[in-house]
């Protein structure tokens, strides 16, 4: 399992992990809810992530209000979610 780090998105902290050594940067936007550390305990997710890591540099993250990321008091908009992806990309150095 990759180490969990945190990206800042406004006043929120978003949990993310970065793994793989491939030349392709990839942000995995998970299902409705997720947990970056618990994903690795599900054999299907672990296998999927291992395959991605063979040819990509992968960033996975918990959306605001899920997993290890900060809770949110209201439903997030599409613009809010886009800002979360951008915050993770900035934190890991993806263009």
N, C-alpha and C. Protein backbone atom coordinates (compact mmCIF):
# COMPACT_ATOMS: atom_id res chain seq x y z
N UNK A 1 0.85 -1.18 0.00
CA UNK A 1 0.00 0.00 0.00
C UNK A 1 0.89 1.24 0.00
N UNK A 2 0.51 2.22 -0.78
CA UNK A 2 1.24 3.49 -0.85
C UNK A 2 1.00 4.31 0.42
N UNK A 3 1.89 5.25 0.66
CA UNK A 3 1.76 6.14 1.82
C UNK A 3 0.65 7.16 1.56
N UNK A 4 -0.14 7.45 2.58
CA UNK A 4 -1.20 8.44 2.47
C UNK A 4 -0.66 9.82 2.80
N UNK A 5 -0.95 10.77 1.92
CA UNK A 5 -0.58 12.17 2.12
C UNK A 5 -1.85 13.00 1.99
N UNK A 6 -1.70 14.32 2.18
CA UNK A 6 -2.86 15.20 2.13
C UNK A 6 -2.60 16.41 1.25
N UNK A 7 -3.58 16.74 0.41
CA UNK A 7 -3.54 17.92 -0.45
C UNK A 7 -4.52 18.95 0.12
N UNK A 8 -4.18 20.21 0.00
CA UNK A 8 -5.07 21.29 0.44
C UNK A 8 -5.97 21.71 -0.72
N UNK A 9 -7.25 21.83 -0.40
CA UNK A 9 -8.23 22.31 -1.38
C UNK A 9 -9.09 23.34 -0.64
N UNK A 10 -8.69 24.60 -0.73
CA UNK A 10 -9.36 25.62 0.09
C UNK A 10 -9.09 25.32 1.55
N UNK A 11 -10.15 25.21 2.34
CA UNK A 11 -10.03 24.91 3.77
C UNK A 11 -10.02 23.42 4.05
N UNK A 12 -10.10 22.59 3.02
CA UNK A 12 -10.21 21.14 3.20
C UNK A 12 -8.88 20.44 2.96
N UNK A 13 -8.71 19.31 3.64
CA UNK A 13 -7.59 18.41 3.37
C UNK A 13 -8.13 17.16 2.70
N UNK A 14 -7.50 16.79 1.58
CA UNK A 14 -7.91 15.62 0.82
C UNK A 14 -6.84 14.54 0.92
N UNK A 15 -7.23 13.36 1.36
CA UNK A 15 -6.29 12.24 1.45
C UNK A 15 -6.01 11.70 0.06
N UNK A 16 -4.72 11.45 -0.22
CA UNK A 16 -4.36 10.86 -1.51
C UNK A 16 -3.16 9.94 -1.35
N UNK A 17 -2.96 9.10 -2.35
CA UNK A 17 -1.78 8.24 -2.44
C UNK A 17 -1.24 8.34 -3.86
N UNK A 18 0.07 8.23 -3.98
CA UNK A 18 0.75 8.28 -5.26
C UNK A 18 1.60 7.03 -5.39
N UNK A 19 1.48 6.32 -6.50
CA UNK A 19 2.23 5.08 -6.69
C UNK A 19 2.43 4.80 -8.16
N UNK A 20 3.34 3.90 -8.45
CA UNK A 20 3.65 3.50 -9.83
C UNK A 20 4.80 4.31 -10.38
N UNK A 21 5.51 3.72 -11.34
CA UNK A 21 6.69 4.37 -11.91
C UNK A 21 6.56 4.60 -13.41
N UNK A 22 5.39 4.40 -13.95
CA UNK A 22 5.22 4.55 -15.39
C UNK A 22 5.28 6.00 -15.84
N UNK A 23 5.41 6.21 -17.14
CA UNK A 23 5.56 7.56 -17.68
C UNK A 23 4.24 8.34 -17.82
N UNK A 24 3.12 7.68 -17.62
CA UNK A 24 1.82 8.32 -17.84
C UNK A 24 1.23 8.77 -16.51
N UNK A 25 1.00 10.07 -16.30
CA UNK A 25 0.34 10.52 -15.07
C UNK A 25 -1.16 10.24 -15.16
N UNK A 26 -1.72 9.66 -14.10
CA UNK A 26 -3.14 9.30 -14.10
C UNK A 26 -3.74 9.61 -12.74
N UNK A 27 -4.84 10.34 -12.73
CA UNK A 27 -5.61 10.56 -11.51
C UNK A 27 -6.81 9.63 -11.56
N UNK A 28 -6.89 8.72 -10.59
CA UNK A 28 -8.01 7.80 -10.50
C UNK A 28 -9.09 8.46 -9.64
N UNK A 29 -10.23 8.75 -10.25
CA UNK A 29 -11.37 9.31 -9.53
C UNK A 29 -12.29 8.13 -9.22
N UNK A 30 -12.33 7.77 -7.97
CA UNK A 30 -13.02 6.56 -7.55
C UNK A 30 -14.53 6.67 -7.57
N UNK A 31 -15.16 5.63 -7.06
CA UNK A 31 -16.62 5.57 -7.04
C UNK A 31 -17.21 6.62 -6.10
N UNK A 32 -18.52 6.57 -5.95
CA UNK A 32 -19.27 7.54 -5.16
C UNK A 32 -18.60 7.81 -3.81
N UNK A 33 -18.26 6.77 -3.08
CA UNK A 33 -17.50 6.92 -1.84
C UNK A 33 -16.27 6.02 -1.94
N UNK A 34 -15.27 6.35 -1.17
CA UNK A 34 -14.05 5.56 -1.20
C UNK A 34 -13.21 5.80 0.04
N UNK A 35 -12.13 5.06 0.12
CA UNK A 35 -11.19 5.17 1.22
C UNK A 35 -9.85 4.67 0.69
N UNK A 36 -8.88 5.59 0.51
CA UNK A 36 -7.64 5.22 -0.16
C UNK A 36 -6.90 4.06 0.50
N UNK A 37 -7.02 3.92 1.80
CA UNK A 37 -6.32 2.81 2.47
C UNK A 37 -7.12 1.51 2.40
N UNK A 38 -8.44 1.61 2.47
CA UNK A 38 -9.26 0.39 2.40
C UNK A 38 -9.34 -0.18 1.00
N UNK A 39 -9.16 0.66 -0.04
CA UNK A 39 -9.14 0.14 -1.41
C UNK A 39 -8.17 -1.03 -1.53
N UNK A 40 -7.01 -0.92 -0.87
CA UNK A 40 -5.96 -1.93 -1.00
C UNK A 40 -6.34 -3.27 -0.37
N UNK A 41 -7.37 -3.29 0.47
CA UNK A 41 -7.79 -4.54 1.11
C UNK A 41 -8.77 -5.33 0.24
N UNK A 42 -9.24 -4.72 -0.83
CA UNK A 42 -10.16 -5.38 -1.77
C UNK A 42 -9.32 -5.95 -2.91
N UNK A 43 -9.26 -7.28 -3.05
CA UNK A 43 -8.37 -7.89 -4.05
C UNK A 43 -8.53 -7.33 -5.46
N UNK A 44 -9.76 -7.05 -5.85
CA UNK A 44 -9.99 -6.54 -7.20
C UNK A 44 -9.38 -5.14 -7.39
N UNK A 45 -9.52 -4.28 -6.38
CA UNK A 45 -8.92 -2.95 -6.47
C UNK A 45 -7.40 -3.05 -6.45
N UNK A 46 -6.85 -3.89 -5.56
CA UNK A 46 -5.40 -4.04 -5.47
C UNK A 46 -4.83 -4.51 -6.81
N UNK A 47 -5.46 -5.51 -7.41
CA UNK A 47 -5.01 -6.01 -8.71
C UNK A 47 -5.09 -4.92 -9.78
N UNK A 48 -6.18 -4.18 -9.78
CA UNK A 48 -6.37 -3.09 -10.74
C UNK A 48 -5.29 -2.03 -10.57
N UNK A 49 -5.04 -1.62 -9.32
CA UNK A 49 -4.02 -0.60 -9.06
C UNK A 49 -2.63 -1.10 -9.41
N UNK A 50 -2.34 -2.37 -9.12
CA UNK A 50 -1.03 -2.94 -9.48
C UNK A 50 -0.83 -2.91 -11.00
N UNK A 51 -1.89 -3.22 -11.74
CA UNK A 51 -1.78 -3.18 -13.20
C UNK A 51 -1.57 -1.75 -13.70
N UNK A 52 -2.32 -0.79 -13.15
CA UNK A 52 -2.12 0.61 -13.54
C UNK A 52 -0.70 1.08 -13.23
N UNK A 53 -0.18 0.67 -12.08
CA UNK A 53 1.15 1.10 -11.65
C UNK A 53 2.25 0.58 -12.56
N UNK A 54 1.96 -0.45 -13.33
CA UNK A 54 2.99 -1.00 -14.22
C UNK A 54 3.28 -0.09 -15.41
N UNK A 55 2.37 0.83 -15.72
CA UNK A 55 2.61 1.73 -16.85
C UNK A 55 2.21 3.18 -16.57
N UNK A 56 1.75 3.48 -15.35
CA UNK A 56 1.33 4.84 -15.00
C UNK A 56 1.92 5.27 -13.67
N UNK A 57 1.95 6.56 -13.46
CA UNK A 57 2.18 7.16 -12.15
C UNK A 57 0.78 7.54 -11.69
N UNK A 58 0.26 6.85 -10.67
CA UNK A 58 -1.16 6.93 -10.32
C UNK A 58 -1.36 7.72 -9.03
N UNK A 59 -2.30 8.66 -9.07
CA UNK A 59 -2.75 9.35 -7.87
C UNK A 59 -4.20 8.94 -7.63
N UNK A 60 -4.47 8.42 -6.43
CA UNK A 60 -5.85 8.13 -6.03
C UNK A 60 -6.16 9.04 -4.85
N UNK A 61 -7.42 9.39 -4.68
CA UNK A 61 -7.75 10.28 -3.57
C UNK A 61 -9.16 10.02 -3.07
N UNK A 62 -9.39 10.43 -1.82
CA UNK A 62 -10.73 10.40 -1.24
C UNK A 62 -11.36 11.76 -1.50
N UNK A 63 -12.50 11.75 -2.14
CA UNK A 63 -13.22 13.00 -2.37
C UNK A 63 -13.56 13.64 -1.02
N UNK A 64 -13.74 14.95 -1.00
CA UNK A 64 -14.15 15.64 0.22
C UNK A 64 -15.43 15.00 0.75
N UNK A 65 -15.46 14.77 2.05
CA UNK A 65 -16.63 14.15 2.67
C UNK A 65 -16.61 12.64 2.67
N UNK A 66 -15.54 12.03 2.15
CA UNK A 66 -15.44 10.57 2.14
C UNK A 66 -14.08 10.14 2.67
N UNK A 67 -14.00 8.89 3.08
CA UNK A 67 -12.74 8.29 3.49
C UNK A 67 -11.98 9.11 4.51
N UNK A 68 -10.69 9.34 4.24
CA UNK A 68 -9.82 10.06 5.16
C UNK A 68 -9.79 11.56 4.90
N UNK A 69 -10.51 12.03 3.89
CA UNK A 69 -10.58 13.47 3.62
C UNK A 69 -11.53 14.14 4.60
N UNK A 70 -11.39 15.46 4.70
CA UNK A 70 -12.23 16.22 5.62
C UNK A 70 -13.71 16.09 5.27
N UNK A 71 -14.56 16.12 6.31
CA UNK A 71 -16.01 16.11 6.05
C UNK A 71 -16.45 17.46 5.46
N UNK A 72 -17.58 17.46 4.81
CA UNK A 72 -18.14 18.69 4.24
C UNK A 72 -19.59 18.85 4.71
N UNK A 73 -20.02 20.10 4.93
CA UNK A 73 -21.37 20.32 5.46
C UNK A 73 -22.46 20.31 4.40
N UNK A 74 -22.08 20.33 3.11
CA UNK A 74 -23.11 20.40 2.06
C UNK A 74 -22.67 19.54 0.87
N UNK A 75 -23.62 19.29 0.00
CA UNK A 75 -23.34 18.51 -1.21
C UNK A 75 -22.36 19.30 -2.08
N UNK A 76 -21.37 18.60 -2.62
CA UNK A 76 -20.35 19.24 -3.46
C UNK A 76 -20.87 19.40 -4.89
N UNK A 77 -20.52 20.50 -5.51
CA UNK A 77 -20.90 20.75 -6.90
C UNK A 77 -19.85 20.15 -7.83
N UNK A 78 -20.15 20.12 -9.11
CA UNK A 78 -19.19 19.64 -10.09
C UNK A 78 -17.93 20.51 -10.08
N UNK A 79 -18.09 21.82 -9.93
CA UNK A 79 -16.93 22.71 -9.84
C UNK A 79 -16.09 22.40 -8.60
N UNK A 80 -16.76 22.08 -7.48
CA UNK A 80 -16.03 21.69 -6.26
C UNK A 80 -15.21 20.44 -6.51
N UNK A 81 -15.82 19.45 -7.17
CA UNK A 81 -15.11 18.19 -7.45
C UNK A 81 -13.94 18.42 -8.40
N UNK A 82 -14.12 19.28 -9.39
CA UNK A 82 -13.03 19.61 -10.31
C UNK A 82 -11.88 20.27 -9.56
N UNK A 83 -12.20 21.13 -8.61
CA UNK A 83 -11.17 21.78 -7.79
C UNK A 83 -10.41 20.75 -6.96
N UNK A 84 -11.10 19.72 -6.49
CA UNK A 84 -10.44 18.66 -5.72
C UNK A 84 -9.43 17.92 -6.60
N UNK A 85 -9.81 17.58 -7.81
CA UNK A 85 -8.89 16.90 -8.73
C UNK A 85 -7.69 17.79 -9.00
N UNK A 86 -7.94 19.07 -9.25
CA UNK A 86 -6.84 20.01 -9.51
C UNK A 86 -5.91 20.12 -8.30
N UNK A 87 -6.46 20.13 -7.09
CA UNK A 87 -5.64 20.22 -5.88
C UNK A 87 -4.73 19.00 -5.75
N UNK A 88 -5.27 17.82 -6.03
CA UNK A 88 -4.45 16.60 -5.96
C UNK A 88 -3.38 16.64 -7.05
N UNK A 89 -3.75 17.03 -8.25
CA UNK A 89 -2.77 17.12 -9.34
C UNK A 89 -1.64 18.09 -8.99
N UNK A 90 -1.98 19.23 -8.42
CA UNK A 90 -0.95 20.20 -8.02
C UNK A 90 -0.05 19.62 -6.94
N UNK A 91 -0.65 18.92 -5.98
CA UNK A 91 0.11 18.37 -4.86
C UNK A 91 1.12 17.31 -5.31
N UNK A 92 0.76 16.51 -6.31
CA UNK A 92 1.67 15.45 -6.78
C UNK A 92 2.55 15.88 -7.94
N UNK A 93 2.31 17.09 -8.46
CA UNK A 93 3.15 17.60 -9.54
C UNK A 93 2.73 17.20 -10.94
N UNK A 94 1.46 16.82 -11.11
CA UNK A 94 0.95 16.52 -12.45
C UNK A 94 0.57 17.82 -13.14
N UNK A 95 0.83 17.90 -14.44
CA UNK A 95 0.45 19.10 -15.21
C UNK A 95 -1.00 19.06 -15.60
